[in-house]
Structures are given as structure tokens and as C-alpha cells.
Amino acid sequence: MGINPKDARYRDTLNYVRPDGGRPVFRGMRPRRIKNATGVLEHIVHEDERLDILALHYYNDTRRWWRIVDANPDIIFGGDLLLNEMVGLIILIPRVVEPESVS
């Protein structure tokens, strides 16, 4: 079963274009816009924790690690969580899915 493009996180991204209009040095996509994720839990980082394991614990799905990254813009690279400096810091764990906005 493949991912339905209309459900893909990067469905609204554009192809990368160099700011100077020149030829791109690589093929890729511009980053998607990240909405403010609603952090509903605070988690204290322990030694050797990884985003996929946290996603498994909180969401029962290792593939939802990106939700944690979205809620914590200071985490640029998932491997940063393994750094000694991260131990003891508090990160936000957002809802699995954002609630529908009521109009």
C-alpha cells in the first residue's frame, strides 16, 4: 500500500529554486511550512533516547517521529537527541493528529 499523495506531508512543497535564479545544484524540494504543533505532554530527555522510539512510545508508530520534531524547532537533526547536552531537557510531545479547527 503506497502513500496517497493528498495525505503526504510534503504534498504542498515546491521544487527547489536558487534565490539567484540560477540552475539548482541539486534536485530537491523546498521545505514545507510547519504549523504550530500543539504540545500536550512534556517529556524529559534521557540518555540514548531516539525520536523513533519516542514516537513508538507515545504514538505506537515509529514513523510519526516528525510530529515531535515539528513541536520542537530547536531539534534540527534527529540525531541531536542523542547528544549529552540534550539529557535532562524538556521537549514537547504533540497530539498524534491536530484537532480539526472549528469555524
N, C-alpha and C. Protein backbone atom coordinates (compact mmCIF):
# COMPACT_ATOMS: atom_id res chain seq x y z
N MET A 1 0.84 -1.17 0.00
CA MET A 1 0.00 0.00 0.00
C MET A 1 0.89 1.24 0.00
N GLY A 2 0.74 2.11 -0.98
CA GLY A 2 1.54 3.32 -1.08
C GLY A 2 0.89 4.48 -0.34
N ILE A 3 1.66 5.54 -0.22
CA ILE A 3 1.14 6.75 0.42
C ILE A 3 0.31 7.51 -0.59
N ASN A 4 -0.87 7.92 -0.19
CA ASN A 4 -1.72 8.71 -1.04
C ASN A 4 -1.15 10.13 -1.07
N PRO A 5 -0.80 10.66 -2.25
CA PRO A 5 -0.17 11.99 -2.30
C PRO A 5 -0.97 13.08 -1.60
N LYS A 6 -2.29 13.01 -1.60
CA LYS A 6 -3.07 14.06 -0.94
C LYS A 6 -2.88 14.02 0.58
N ASP A 7 -2.39 12.90 1.11
CA ASP A 7 -2.15 12.77 2.54
C ASP A 7 -0.68 12.97 2.91
N ALA A 8 0.17 13.16 1.93
CA ALA A 8 1.61 13.27 2.18
C ALA A 8 1.95 14.60 2.84
N ARG A 9 2.89 14.57 3.79
CA ARG A 9 3.34 15.79 4.47
C ARG A 9 3.88 16.83 3.52
N TYR A 10 4.55 16.40 2.46
CA TYR A 10 5.22 17.31 1.55
C TYR A 10 4.42 17.56 0.27
N ARG A 11 3.12 17.33 0.30
CA ARG A 11 2.30 17.47 -0.90
C ARG A 11 2.27 18.90 -1.44
N ASP A 12 2.43 19.90 -0.56
CA ASP A 12 2.34 21.29 -0.99
C ASP A 12 3.71 21.95 -1.18
N THR A 13 4.77 21.16 -1.21
CA THR A 13 6.10 21.75 -1.37
C THR A 13 6.36 22.04 -2.84
N LEU A 14 7.27 22.92 -3.07
CA LEU A 14 7.64 23.29 -4.43
C LEU A 14 9.05 22.80 -4.72
N ASN A 15 9.36 22.65 -5.99
CA ASN A 15 10.73 22.28 -6.34
C ASN A 15 11.68 23.38 -5.89
N TYR A 16 12.86 23.00 -5.48
CA TYR A 16 13.87 23.95 -5.03
C TYR A 16 14.29 24.86 -6.17
N VAL A 17 14.33 26.15 -5.91
CA VAL A 17 14.81 27.13 -6.88
C VAL A 17 15.84 27.99 -6.19
N ARG A 18 16.97 28.16 -6.82
CA ARG A 18 18.02 29.01 -6.22
C ARG A 18 17.53 30.44 -6.14
N PRO A 19 17.88 31.12 -5.03
CA PRO A 19 17.44 32.51 -4.87
C PRO A 19 17.92 33.43 -5.99
N ASP A 20 19.09 33.12 -6.59
CA ASP A 20 19.61 33.98 -7.66
C ASP A 20 19.05 33.60 -9.02
N GLY A 21 18.16 32.60 -9.05
CA GLY A 21 17.53 32.19 -10.30
C GLY A 21 18.38 31.26 -11.14
N GLY A 22 19.57 30.95 -10.67
CA GLY A 22 20.46 30.07 -11.42
C GLY A 22 20.01 28.61 -11.35
N ARG A 23 20.74 27.79 -12.02
CA ARG A 23 20.42 26.36 -12.04
C ARG A 23 20.66 25.75 -10.66
N PRO A 24 19.71 24.96 -10.16
CA PRO A 24 19.90 24.33 -8.84
C PRO A 24 21.11 23.40 -8.84
N VAL A 25 21.82 23.35 -7.73
CA VAL A 25 22.97 22.46 -7.62
C VAL A 25 22.53 21.06 -7.21
N PHE A 26 21.28 20.90 -6.84
CA PHE A 26 20.74 19.59 -6.52
C PHE A 26 19.25 19.59 -6.78
N ARG A 27 18.70 18.41 -6.99
CA ARG A 27 17.26 18.29 -7.14
C ARG A 27 16.67 18.07 -5.77
N GLY A 28 15.64 18.75 -5.46
CA GLY A 28 15.02 18.59 -4.15
C GLY A 28 13.78 19.43 -4.03
N MET A 29 13.31 19.55 -2.81
CA MET A 29 12.11 20.32 -2.57
C MET A 29 12.38 21.41 -1.56
N ARG A 30 11.61 22.46 -1.65
CA ARG A 30 11.67 23.48 -0.63
C ARG A 30 10.99 22.91 0.60
N PRO A 31 11.42 23.33 1.77
CA PRO A 31 10.81 22.80 2.99
C PRO A 31 9.33 23.15 3.07
N ARG A 32 8.57 22.29 3.70
CA ARG A 32 7.15 22.56 3.90
C ARG A 32 6.98 23.54 5.05
N ARG A 33 5.89 24.23 5.06
CA ARG A 33 5.61 25.15 6.17
C ARG A 33 5.12 24.32 7.34
N ILE A 34 5.64 24.61 8.51
CA ILE A 34 5.26 23.87 9.71
C ILE A 34 4.30 24.72 10.52
N LYS A 35 3.14 24.15 10.77
CA LYS A 35 2.18 24.83 11.64
C LYS A 35 2.64 24.65 13.08
N ASN A 36 2.16 25.51 13.96
CA ASN A 36 2.49 25.33 15.37
C ASN A 36 1.84 24.05 15.86
N ALA A 37 2.66 23.12 16.29
CA ALA A 37 2.14 21.87 16.82
C ALA A 37 1.73 22.09 18.27
N THR A 38 0.62 21.51 18.64
CA THR A 38 0.14 21.65 19.99
C THR A 38 0.82 20.63 20.88
N GLY A 39 1.72 21.09 21.74
CA GLY A 39 2.39 20.19 22.67
C GLY A 39 1.47 19.91 23.84
N VAL A 40 1.12 18.68 24.03
CA VAL A 40 0.21 18.35 25.12
C VAL A 40 0.91 17.63 26.27
N LEU A 41 2.10 17.16 26.02
CA LEU A 41 2.88 16.49 27.05
C LEU A 41 4.29 17.05 27.05
N GLU A 42 4.91 17.08 28.22
CA GLU A 42 6.31 17.42 28.31
C GLU A 42 7.07 16.14 28.61
N HIS A 43 8.19 15.96 27.93
CA HIS A 43 8.99 14.75 28.10
C HIS A 43 10.41 15.16 28.47
N ILE A 44 10.96 14.57 29.50
CA ILE A 44 12.36 14.82 29.89
C ILE A 44 13.23 13.83 29.13
N VAL A 45 14.19 14.37 28.39
CA VAL A 45 15.07 13.54 27.56
C VAL A 45 16.02 12.75 28.46
N HIS A 46 16.09 11.44 28.20
CA HIS A 46 17.00 10.55 28.92
C HIS A 46 18.13 10.12 27.98
N GLU A 47 19.18 9.62 28.53
CA GLU A 47 20.33 9.19 27.75
C GLU A 47 19.92 8.12 26.74
N ASP A 48 20.46 8.21 25.54
CA ASP A 48 20.27 7.25 24.45
C ASP A 48 18.84 7.18 23.90
N GLU A 49 18.01 8.19 24.14
CA GLU A 49 16.67 8.18 23.54
C GLU A 49 16.76 8.62 22.09
N ARG A 50 15.87 8.04 21.28
CA ARG A 50 15.80 8.37 19.86
C ARG A 50 14.38 8.78 19.53
N LEU A 51 14.23 9.60 18.49
CA LEU A 51 12.91 10.07 18.10
C LEU A 51 11.98 8.94 17.69
N ASP A 52 12.50 7.95 16.98
CA ASP A 52 11.62 6.86 16.56
C ASP A 52 11.11 6.05 17.75
N ILE A 53 11.93 5.90 18.76
CA ILE A 53 11.50 5.16 19.96
C ILE A 53 10.48 5.97 20.75
N LEU A 54 10.68 7.30 20.83
CA LEU A 54 9.68 8.14 21.48
C LEU A 54 8.35 8.09 20.73
N ALA A 55 8.42 8.13 19.41
CA ALA A 55 7.20 8.04 18.60
C ALA A 55 6.49 6.71 18.83
N LEU A 56 7.24 5.64 18.94
CA LEU A 56 6.64 4.34 19.22
C LEU A 56 5.96 4.36 20.59
N HIS A 57 6.62 4.94 21.56
CA HIS A 57 6.07 5.00 22.92
C HIS A 57 4.79 5.83 22.98
N TYR A 58 4.83 7.03 22.40
CA TYR A 58 3.70 7.95 22.52
C TYR A 58 2.61 7.74 21.47
N TYR A 59 3.00 7.29 20.28
CA TYR A 59 2.04 7.18 19.17
C TYR A 59 1.81 5.75 18.69
N ASN A 60 2.59 4.81 19.23
CA ASN A 60 2.52 3.42 18.78
C ASN A 60 2.87 3.31 17.28
N ASP A 61 3.74 4.20 16.82
CA ASP A 61 4.12 4.22 15.40
C ASP A 61 5.46 4.95 15.27
N THR A 62 6.50 4.22 14.91
CA THR A 62 7.84 4.82 14.79
C THR A 62 7.91 5.88 13.70
N ARG A 63 7.00 5.83 12.73
CA ARG A 63 7.05 6.77 11.60
C ARG A 63 6.52 8.15 11.94
N ARG A 64 5.99 8.35 13.11
CA ARG A 64 5.44 9.66 13.50
C ARG A 64 6.45 10.53 14.25
N TRP A 65 7.73 10.20 14.16
CA TRP A 65 8.77 10.97 14.84
C TRP A 65 8.77 12.43 14.40
N TRP A 66 8.38 12.70 13.18
CA TRP A 66 8.39 14.05 12.64
C TRP A 66 7.43 14.97 13.40
N ARG A 67 6.39 14.44 14.03
CA ARG A 67 5.48 15.26 14.83
C ARG A 67 6.24 15.87 16.01
N ILE A 68 7.14 15.09 16.59
CA ILE A 68 7.93 15.57 17.73
C ILE A 68 8.89 16.66 17.26
N VAL A 69 9.50 16.47 16.10
CA VAL A 69 10.41 17.48 15.55
C VAL A 69 9.65 18.77 15.26
N ASP A 70 8.45 18.66 14.68
CA ASP A 70 7.65 19.86 14.39
C ASP A 70 7.35 20.66 15.65
N ALA A 71 7.12 19.99 16.76
CA ALA A 71 6.77 20.68 18.01
C ALA A 71 7.99 21.26 18.72
N ASN A 72 9.18 20.87 18.28
CA ASN A 72 10.42 21.29 18.93
C ASN A 72 11.39 21.84 17.89
N PRO A 73 11.21 23.09 17.46
CA PRO A 73 12.04 23.62 16.38
C PRO A 73 13.53 23.68 16.70
N ASP A 74 13.91 23.54 17.97
CA ASP A 74 15.34 23.53 18.31
C ASP A 74 16.00 22.22 17.92
N ILE A 75 15.22 21.19 17.65
CA ILE A 75 15.78 19.92 17.17
C ILE A 75 15.86 20.01 15.66
N ILE A 76 17.04 20.26 15.14
CA ILE A 76 17.23 20.40 13.70
C ILE A 76 17.45 19.04 13.06
N PHE A 77 18.22 18.21 13.71
CA PHE A 77 18.58 16.89 13.21
C PHE A 77 18.19 15.88 14.26
N GLY A 78 17.50 14.82 13.85
CA GLY A 78 17.02 13.82 14.81
C GLY A 78 18.10 13.24 15.69
N GLY A 79 19.31 13.14 15.17
CA GLY A 79 20.42 12.60 15.94
C GLY A 79 20.83 13.50 17.10
N ASP A 80 20.39 14.77 17.07
CA ASP A 80 20.72 15.69 18.16
C ASP A 80 20.21 15.19 19.50
N LEU A 81 19.14 14.43 19.48
CA LEU A 81 18.54 13.93 20.71
C LEU A 81 19.53 13.03 21.47
N LEU A 82 20.47 12.45 20.76
CA LEU A 82 21.46 11.56 21.37
C LEU A 82 22.61 12.31 22.02
N LEU A 83 22.69 13.62 21.79
CA LEU A 83 23.80 14.40 22.36
C LEU A 83 23.66 14.51 23.87
N ASN A 84 24.80 14.48 24.56
CA ASN A 84 24.80 14.59 26.02
C ASN A 84 24.13 15.87 26.49
N GLU A 85 24.24 16.94 25.71
CA GLU A 85 23.65 18.22 26.10
C GLU A 85 22.12 18.16 26.17
N MET A 86 21.52 17.19 25.49
CA MET A 86 20.05 17.09 25.46
C MET A 86 19.50 16.39 26.71
N VAL A 87 20.32 15.58 27.37
CA VAL A 87 19.85 14.84 28.54
C VAL A 87 19.37 15.82 29.60
N GLY A 88 18.15 15.59 30.07
CA GLY A 88 17.56 16.43 31.10
C GLY A 88 16.71 17.56 30.57
N LEU A 89 16.81 17.85 29.25
CA LEU A 89 15.98 18.91 28.68
C LEU A 89 14.54 18.43 28.50
N ILE A 90 13.64 19.35 28.50
CA ILE A 90 12.22 19.04 28.31
C ILE A 90 11.85 19.33 26.86
N ILE A 91 11.23 18.35 26.20
CA ILE A 91 10.72 18.54 24.85
C ILE A 91 9.21 18.33 24.88
N LEU A 92 8.54 18.89 23.88
CA LEU A 92 7.09 18.75 23.78
C LEU A 92 6.72 17.55 22.93
N ILE A 93 5.70 16.85 23.37
CA ILE A 93 5.15 15.74 22.60
C ILE A 93 3.74 16.17 22.20
N PRO A 94 3.53 16.45 20.90
CA PRO A 94 2.22 16.92 20.46
C PRO A 94 1.22 15.79 20.28
N ARG A 95 -0.02 16.16 20.06
CA ARG A 95 -1.04 15.17 19.75
C ARG A 95 -0.63 14.41 18.49
N VAL A 96 -1.17 13.21 18.35
CA VAL A 96 -0.88 12.43 17.14
C VAL A 96 -1.38 13.19 15.91
N VAL A 97 -2.58 13.70 15.99
CA VAL A 97 -3.17 14.45 14.89
C VAL A 97 -3.76 15.72 15.49
N GLU A 98 -3.53 16.83 14.82
CA GLU A 98 -4.09 18.09 15.30
C GLU A 98 -5.61 18.03 15.21
N PRO A 99 -6.32 18.56 16.21
CA PRO A 99 -7.77 18.57 16.14
C PRO A 99 -8.24 19.47 14.99
N GLU A 100 -9.37 19.11 14.40
CA GLU A 100 -9.94 19.92 13.33
C GLU A 100 -10.33 21.28 13.88
N SER A 101 -10.05 22.33 13.12
CA SER A 101 -10.44 23.66 13.58
C SER A 101 -11.94 23.83 13.43
N VAL A 102 -12.53 24.42 14.42
CA VAL A 102 -13.97 24.64 14.40
C VAL A 102 -14.21 26.06 13.92
N SER A 103 -15.06 26.19 12.90
CA SER A 103 -15.32 27.54 12.38
C SER A 103 -16.67 28.04 12.78
